[in-house]
Amino acid sequence: MRNFRNYRIWHDAILLAKTVYELTERLPKREKYNLKGQLFRCACSVPSNIAEGCSRSTGKDFKRYLEISLGSLYEMETQLYICVQCQLINQGEFELLSKSINSLERGIMTLILKLKKTQSITKLSAKA
C-alpha cells in the first residue's frame, strides 16, 4: 500500500488548499454557498483524492483517483477565473494561484503517466 504522505503532490495540494481557504475567507458573505463553498470543496478534494487513491490496491485504481484530483484542479482554476471576471479577486492573485495549480497538474500528470507505463509493462509481461 502506498503512503500518501510520501508524495510531493499531496503536500503541494495541502498548501494549495490552505491558500484557497485563506482566499475564500476574504470573499463576500453572499458567496458563502456559491463560489466560496465550491472553491473550498475543490481545494479539499485534490489532496483527499490523492490520499484515498493511495489506499487502493492497484495502480489502475490509484490512477483513477489521481484523474479525479486533476478534474478538481481544472474545476478550481475555472472557478478562480470566474472570481477574476466578477472582480472578487484580482488578476495577480489569480496568476499566483494558477501557477500553483498548473505545477500541481504537471506533477499529477507525471505520476499518471508513470502508472500507465507500469500497467503497460505489466500487461506485456503477462502476455509473454
N, C-alpha and C. Protein backbone atom coordinates (compact mmCIF):
# COMPACT_ATOMS: atom_id res chain seq x y z
N MET A 1 0.84 -1.18 0.00
CA MET A 1 0.00 0.00 0.00
C MET A 1 0.88 1.25 0.00
N ARG A 2 0.46 2.25 -0.72
CA ARG A 2 1.23 3.49 -0.83
C ARG A 2 0.97 4.39 0.38
N ASN A 3 1.95 5.21 0.72
CA ASN A 3 1.79 6.18 1.80
C ASN A 3 1.66 7.56 1.16
N PHE A 4 0.47 8.14 1.24
CA PHE A 4 0.21 9.43 0.58
C PHE A 4 1.12 10.53 1.10
N ARG A 5 1.58 10.39 2.35
CA ARG A 5 2.46 11.42 2.95
C ARG A 5 3.82 11.50 2.25
N ASN A 6 4.15 10.47 1.49
CA ASN A 6 5.44 10.45 0.78
C ASN A 6 5.38 11.10 -0.60
N TYR A 7 4.21 11.53 -1.02
CA TYR A 7 4.07 12.13 -2.34
C TYR A 7 4.12 13.66 -2.25
N ARG A 8 5.03 14.23 -3.03
CA ARG A 8 5.16 15.69 -3.07
C ARG A 8 3.85 16.34 -3.52
N ILE A 9 3.15 15.70 -4.45
CA ILE A 9 1.90 16.28 -4.95
C ILE A 9 0.87 16.41 -3.83
N TRP A 10 0.88 15.49 -2.88
CA TRP A 10 -0.07 15.58 -1.76
C TRP A 10 0.27 16.80 -0.90
N HIS A 11 1.56 16.99 -0.60
CA HIS A 11 1.99 18.15 0.19
C HIS A 11 1.67 19.45 -0.54
N ASP A 12 1.94 19.48 -1.85
CA ASP A 12 1.63 20.68 -2.64
C ASP A 12 0.12 20.95 -2.65
N ALA A 13 -0.68 19.90 -2.72
CA ALA A 13 -2.14 20.06 -2.73
C ALA A 13 -2.64 20.58 -1.38
N ILE A 14 -2.01 20.15 -0.30
CA ILE A 14 -2.38 20.65 1.03
C ILE A 14 -2.09 22.16 1.11
N LEU A 15 -0.92 22.57 0.62
CA LEU A 15 -0.57 24.00 0.63
C LEU A 15 -1.53 24.82 -0.23
N LEU A 16 -1.89 24.27 -1.38
CA LEU A 16 -2.85 24.96 -2.25
C LEU A 16 -4.21 25.08 -1.57
N ALA A 17 -4.65 24.02 -0.91
CA ALA A 17 -5.93 24.06 -0.20
C ALA A 17 -5.92 25.14 0.89
N LYS A 18 -4.80 25.24 1.60
CA LYS A 18 -4.66 26.26 2.64
C LYS A 18 -4.76 27.66 2.03
N THR A 19 -4.07 27.87 0.92
CA THR A 19 -4.08 29.17 0.25
C THR A 19 -5.48 29.51 -0.25
N VAL A 20 -6.15 28.53 -0.84
CA VAL A 20 -7.51 28.77 -1.35
C VAL A 20 -8.46 29.04 -0.18
N TYR A 21 -8.28 28.32 0.92
CA TYR A 21 -9.12 28.57 2.10
C TYR A 21 -8.96 30.02 2.57
N GLU A 22 -7.71 30.47 2.66
CA GLU A 22 -7.46 31.85 3.08
C GLU A 22 -8.08 32.85 2.11
N LEU A 23 -7.99 32.56 0.83
CA LEU A 23 -8.59 33.43 -0.18
C LEU A 23 -10.11 33.44 -0.05
N THR A 24 -10.71 32.28 0.12
CA THR A 24 -12.17 32.22 0.17
C THR A 24 -12.72 32.92 1.41
N GLU A 25 -11.92 33.00 2.46
CA GLU A 25 -12.36 33.71 3.66
C GLU A 25 -12.55 35.20 3.39
N ARG A 26 -11.88 35.71 2.37
CA ARG A 26 -11.98 37.13 2.02
C ARG A 26 -13.11 37.42 1.04
N LEU A 27 -13.71 36.38 0.48
CA LEU A 27 -14.80 36.60 -0.48
C LEU A 27 -16.03 37.13 0.26
N PRO A 28 -16.88 37.86 -0.45
CA PRO A 28 -18.08 38.41 0.19
C PRO A 28 -18.97 37.30 0.78
N LYS A 29 -19.66 37.64 1.83
CA LYS A 29 -20.55 36.68 2.50
C LYS A 29 -21.60 36.11 1.54
N ARG A 30 -22.02 36.91 0.57
CA ARG A 30 -23.04 36.43 -0.37
C ARG A 30 -22.55 35.23 -1.19
N GLU A 31 -21.23 35.02 -1.22
CA GLU A 31 -20.65 33.91 -1.97
C GLU A 31 -20.46 32.65 -1.11
N LYS A 32 -20.92 32.70 0.14
CA LYS A 32 -20.71 31.58 1.06
C LYS A 32 -21.15 30.25 0.47
N TYR A 33 -22.31 30.20 -0.16
CA TYR A 33 -22.83 28.94 -0.69
C TYR A 33 -22.64 28.82 -2.20
N ASN A 34 -21.94 29.78 -2.78
CA ASN A 34 -21.70 29.75 -4.21
C ASN A 34 -20.22 29.46 -4.48
N LEU A 35 -19.51 30.43 -4.98
CA LEU A 35 -18.11 30.23 -5.34
C LEU A 35 -17.24 29.87 -4.13
N LYS A 36 -17.49 30.48 -3.01
CA LYS A 36 -16.68 30.23 -1.82
C LYS A 36 -16.72 28.75 -1.43
N GLY A 37 -17.91 28.22 -1.31
CA GLY A 37 -18.06 26.82 -0.93
C GLY A 37 -17.52 25.87 -1.99
N GLN A 38 -17.80 26.19 -3.23
CA GLN A 38 -17.36 25.34 -4.34
C GLN A 38 -15.84 25.32 -4.44
N LEU A 39 -15.22 26.48 -4.31
CA LEU A 39 -13.76 26.55 -4.36
C LEU A 39 -13.12 25.74 -3.23
N PHE A 40 -13.66 25.87 -2.05
CA PHE A 40 -13.08 25.15 -0.93
C PHE A 40 -13.26 23.65 -1.08
N ARG A 41 -14.41 23.21 -1.59
CA ARG A 41 -14.61 21.77 -1.82
C ARG A 41 -13.63 21.24 -2.86
N CYS A 42 -13.39 22.00 -3.91
CA CYS A 42 -12.41 21.58 -4.92
C CYS A 42 -11.01 21.48 -4.31
N ALA A 43 -10.66 22.50 -3.54
CA ALA A 43 -9.32 22.54 -2.94
C ALA A 43 -9.11 21.36 -2.00
N CYS A 44 -10.12 20.99 -1.24
CA CYS A 44 -10.00 19.85 -0.32
C CYS A 44 -10.04 18.52 -1.07
N SER A 45 -10.73 18.51 -2.18
CA SER A 45 -10.87 17.28 -2.97
C SER A 45 -9.54 16.79 -3.53
N VAL A 46 -8.67 17.71 -3.89
CA VAL A 46 -7.41 17.32 -4.54
C VAL A 46 -6.55 16.45 -3.61
N PRO A 47 -6.11 16.94 -2.44
CA PRO A 47 -5.28 16.08 -1.59
C PRO A 47 -6.07 14.88 -1.04
N SER A 48 -7.38 15.05 -0.85
CA SER A 48 -8.18 13.94 -0.33
C SER A 48 -8.22 12.78 -1.32
N ASN A 49 -8.38 13.08 -2.60
CA ASN A 49 -8.40 12.01 -3.61
C ASN A 49 -7.03 11.38 -3.82
N ILE A 50 -5.98 12.16 -3.68
CA ILE A 50 -4.64 11.59 -3.76
C ILE A 50 -4.47 10.60 -2.61
N ALA A 51 -4.86 11.01 -1.41
CA ALA A 51 -4.74 10.13 -0.24
C ALA A 51 -5.61 8.88 -0.40
N GLU A 52 -6.85 9.07 -0.82
CA GLU A 52 -7.73 7.92 -0.98
C GLU A 52 -7.22 6.96 -2.04
N GLY A 53 -6.70 7.51 -3.12
CA GLY A 53 -6.14 6.67 -4.18
C GLY A 53 -4.98 5.82 -3.69
N CYS A 54 -4.21 6.36 -2.76
CA CYS A 54 -3.08 5.60 -2.22
C CYS A 54 -3.54 4.35 -1.47
N SER A 55 -4.77 4.36 -0.99
CA SER A 55 -5.26 3.20 -0.25
C SER A 55 -5.71 2.06 -1.16
N ARG A 56 -5.81 2.33 -2.43
CA ARG A 56 -6.28 1.31 -3.38
C ARG A 56 -5.16 0.34 -3.71
N SER A 57 -5.54 -0.88 -3.97
CA SER A 57 -4.53 -1.92 -4.12
C SER A 57 -3.90 -1.97 -5.52
N THR A 58 -4.56 -1.40 -6.50
CA THR A 58 -3.99 -1.47 -7.84
C THR A 58 -3.58 -0.09 -8.35
N GLY A 59 -2.61 -0.08 -9.24
CA GLY A 59 -2.18 1.15 -9.88
C GLY A 59 -3.30 1.77 -10.70
N LYS A 60 -4.13 0.91 -11.29
CA LYS A 60 -5.25 1.39 -12.10
C LYS A 60 -6.22 2.21 -11.24
N ASP A 61 -6.54 1.70 -10.06
CA ASP A 61 -7.43 2.43 -9.16
C ASP A 61 -6.79 3.73 -8.68
N PHE A 62 -5.50 3.66 -8.34
CA PHE A 62 -4.78 4.86 -7.90
C PHE A 62 -4.82 5.92 -8.99
N LYS A 63 -4.59 5.49 -10.23
CA LYS A 63 -4.61 6.40 -11.37
C LYS A 63 -5.98 7.08 -11.51
N ARG A 64 -7.04 6.33 -11.28
CA ARG A 64 -8.40 6.89 -11.38
C ARG A 64 -8.60 8.00 -10.36
N TYR A 65 -8.11 7.82 -9.14
CA TYR A 65 -8.24 8.86 -8.12
C TYR A 65 -7.37 10.07 -8.45
N LEU A 66 -6.22 9.84 -9.06
CA LEU A 66 -5.39 10.96 -9.49
C LEU A 66 -6.09 11.76 -10.58
N GLU A 67 -6.79 11.05 -11.47
CA GLU A 67 -7.55 11.73 -12.52
C GLU A 67 -8.69 12.57 -11.93
N ILE A 68 -9.31 12.07 -10.86
CA ILE A 68 -10.36 12.84 -10.17
C ILE A 68 -9.74 14.11 -9.57
N SER A 69 -8.55 13.97 -8.98
CA SER A 69 -7.84 15.13 -8.43
C SER A 69 -7.56 16.15 -9.52
N LEU A 70 -7.15 15.67 -10.66
CA LEU A 70 -6.87 16.55 -11.80
C LEU A 70 -8.13 17.30 -12.23
N GLY A 71 -9.25 16.59 -12.26
CA GLY A 71 -10.52 17.24 -12.59
C GLY A 71 -10.88 18.34 -11.60
N SER A 72 -10.61 18.09 -10.32
CA SER A 72 -10.88 19.11 -9.30
C SER A 72 -10.00 20.33 -9.49
N LEU A 73 -8.77 20.12 -9.93
CA LEU A 73 -7.88 21.25 -10.21
C LEU A 73 -8.39 22.08 -11.37
N TYR A 74 -8.85 21.41 -12.43
CA TYR A 74 -9.40 22.13 -13.58
C TYR A 74 -10.63 22.94 -13.16
N GLU A 75 -11.47 22.31 -12.35
CA GLU A 75 -12.67 22.98 -11.85
C GLU A 75 -12.28 24.20 -11.00
N MET A 76 -11.29 24.03 -10.14
CA MET A 76 -10.85 25.12 -9.27
C MET A 76 -10.31 26.29 -10.09
N GLU A 77 -9.50 25.99 -11.09
CA GLU A 77 -8.95 27.07 -11.91
C GLU A 77 -10.07 27.82 -12.64
N THR A 78 -11.07 27.10 -13.10
CA THR A 78 -12.21 27.73 -13.77
C THR A 78 -12.96 28.65 -12.82
N GLN A 79 -13.18 28.18 -11.60
CA GLN A 79 -13.90 29.00 -10.62
C GLN A 79 -13.09 30.23 -10.22
N LEU A 80 -11.78 30.09 -10.13
CA LEU A 80 -10.94 31.24 -9.83
C LEU A 80 -11.00 32.26 -10.98
N TYR A 81 -11.05 31.75 -12.20
CA TYR A 81 -11.17 32.64 -13.36
C TYR A 81 -12.50 33.41 -13.29
N ILE A 82 -13.55 32.72 -12.88
CA ILE A 82 -14.85 33.38 -12.71
C ILE A 82 -14.74 34.46 -11.63
N CYS A 83 -14.00 34.17 -10.56
CA CYS A 83 -13.79 35.16 -9.50
C CYS A 83 -13.11 36.41 -10.03
N VAL A 84 -12.15 36.24 -10.92
CA VAL A 84 -11.48 37.39 -11.53
C VAL A 84 -12.47 38.16 -12.38
N GLN A 85 -13.23 37.45 -13.20
CA GLN A 85 -14.19 38.11 -14.09
C GLN A 85 -15.26 38.88 -13.30
N CYS A 86 -15.61 38.37 -12.11
CA CYS A 86 -16.61 39.04 -11.26
C CYS A 86 -15.96 40.03 -10.29
N GLN A 87 -14.66 40.22 -10.45
CA GLN A 87 -13.88 41.15 -9.63
C GLN A 87 -13.93 40.82 -8.14
N LEU A 88 -13.94 39.52 -7.85
CA LEU A 88 -13.89 39.07 -6.45
C LEU A 88 -12.45 38.88 -6.00
N ILE A 89 -11.56 38.60 -6.96
CA ILE A 89 -10.12 38.55 -6.71
C ILE A 89 -9.44 39.30 -7.85
N ASN A 90 -8.19 39.71 -7.63
CA ASN A 90 -7.50 40.45 -8.69
C ASN A 90 -6.69 39.50 -9.58
N GLN A 91 -6.25 40.02 -10.70
CA GLN A 91 -5.52 39.23 -11.69
C GLN A 91 -4.23 38.65 -11.10
N GLY A 92 -3.55 39.41 -10.25
CA GLY A 92 -2.31 38.93 -9.63
C GLY A 92 -2.55 37.72 -8.74
N GLU A 93 -3.61 37.75 -7.96
CA GLU A 93 -3.96 36.60 -7.11
C GLU A 93 -4.27 35.38 -7.98
N PHE A 94 -5.01 35.61 -9.05
CA PHE A 94 -5.35 34.52 -9.96
C PHE A 94 -4.09 33.91 -10.56
N GLU A 95 -3.18 34.75 -11.04
CA GLU A 95 -1.97 34.24 -11.68
C GLU A 95 -1.11 33.45 -10.71
N LEU A 96 -1.00 33.92 -9.48
CA LEU A 96 -0.22 33.19 -8.47
C LEU A 96 -0.84 31.82 -8.19
N LEU A 97 -2.14 31.79 -8.00
CA LEU A 97 -2.81 30.51 -7.76
C LEU A 97 -2.76 29.61 -9.00
N SER A 98 -2.90 30.21 -10.16
CA SER A 98 -2.86 29.45 -11.40
C SER A 98 -1.50 28.77 -11.59
N LYS A 99 -0.42 29.45 -11.20
CA LYS A 99 0.91 28.83 -11.29
C LYS A 99 0.99 27.61 -10.39
N SER A 100 0.47 27.73 -9.18
CA SER A 100 0.47 26.59 -8.25
C SER A 100 -0.38 25.45 -8.79
N ILE A 101 -1.54 25.79 -9.33
CA ILE A 101 -2.43 24.77 -9.89
C ILE A 101 -1.76 24.07 -11.06
N ASN A 102 -1.17 24.84 -11.97
CA ASN A 102 -0.52 24.25 -13.14
C ASN A 102 0.66 23.37 -12.77
N SER A 103 1.42 23.77 -11.76
CA SER A 103 2.53 22.95 -11.28
C SER A 103 2.02 21.63 -10.72
N LEU A 104 0.96 21.70 -9.95
CA LEU A 104 0.36 20.50 -9.37
C LEU A 104 -0.23 19.61 -10.46
N GLU A 105 -0.86 20.21 -11.46
CA GLU A 105 -1.39 19.44 -12.60
C GLU A 105 -0.27 18.65 -13.27
N ARG A 106 0.87 19.31 -13.50
CA ARG A 106 2.01 18.63 -14.13
C ARG A 106 2.51 17.46 -13.26
N GLY A 107 2.58 17.68 -11.96
CA GLY A 107 3.03 16.62 -11.05
C GLY A 107 2.09 15.42 -11.06
N ILE A 108 0.80 15.69 -11.05
CA ILE A 108 -0.18 14.60 -11.08
C ILE A 108 -0.13 13.88 -12.42
N MET A 109 -0.04 14.65 -13.51
CA MET A 109 0.04 14.02 -14.85
C MET A 109 1.29 13.15 -14.98
N THR A 110 2.39 13.60 -14.42
CA THR A 110 3.63 12.81 -14.46
C THR A 110 3.42 11.47 -13.77
N LEU A 111 2.79 11.50 -12.61
CA LEU A 111 2.53 10.26 -11.88
C LEU A 111 1.54 9.37 -12.63
N ILE A 112 0.51 9.96 -13.22
CA ILE A 112 -0.45 9.19 -14.02
C ILE A 112 0.27 8.49 -15.17
N LEU A 113 1.14 9.22 -15.86
CA LEU A 113 1.88 8.63 -16.99
C LEU A 113 2.79 7.49 -16.53
N LYS A 114 3.41 7.65 -15.37
CA LYS A 114 4.25 6.57 -14.82
C LYS A 114 3.41 5.34 -14.51
N LEU A 115 2.23 5.57 -13.95
CA LEU A 115 1.34 4.44 -13.65
C LEU A 115 0.87 3.75 -14.92
N LYS A 116 0.56 4.54 -15.95
CA LYS A 116 0.15 3.95 -17.24
C LYS A 116 1.28 3.11 -17.82
N LYS A 117 2.49 3.62 -17.74
CA LYS A 117 3.65 2.91 -18.27
C LYS A 117 3.84 1.59 -17.53
N THR A 118 3.72 1.62 -16.21
CA THR A 118 3.85 0.42 -15.39
C THR A 118 2.77 -0.60 -15.75
N GLN A 119 1.53 -0.11 -15.96
CA GLN A 119 0.43 -1.00 -16.34
C GLN A 119 0.70 -1.64 -17.69
N SER A 120 1.24 -0.88 -18.63
CA SER A 120 1.54 -1.41 -19.96
C SER A 120 2.61 -2.49 -19.87
N ILE A 121 3.63 -2.25 -19.07
CA ILE A 121 4.71 -3.24 -18.91
C ILE A 121 4.17 -4.49 -18.26
N THR A 122 3.31 -4.34 -17.27
CA THR A 122 2.71 -5.49 -16.58
C THR A 122 1.87 -6.31 -17.55
N LYS A 123 1.09 -5.63 -18.40
CA LYS A 123 0.27 -6.34 -19.38
C LYS A 123 1.13 -7.10 -20.38
N LEU A 124 2.22 -6.49 -20.82
CA LEU A 124 3.12 -7.15 -21.75
C LEU A 124 3.77 -8.37 -21.11
N SER A 125 4.17 -8.25 -19.86
CA SER A 125 4.79 -9.37 -19.14
C SER A 125 3.80 -10.51 -18.96
N ALA A 126 2.56 -10.20 -18.73
CA ALA A 126 1.54 -11.22 -18.52
C ALA A 126 1.27 -11.98 -19.81
N LYS A 127 1.40 -11.31 -20.94
CA LYS A 127 1.14 -11.96 -22.23
C LYS A 127 2.30 -12.85 -22.66
N ALA A 128 3.49 -12.56 -22.18
CA ALA A 128 4.68 -13.30 -22.62
C ALA A 128 4.75 -14.69 -22.10
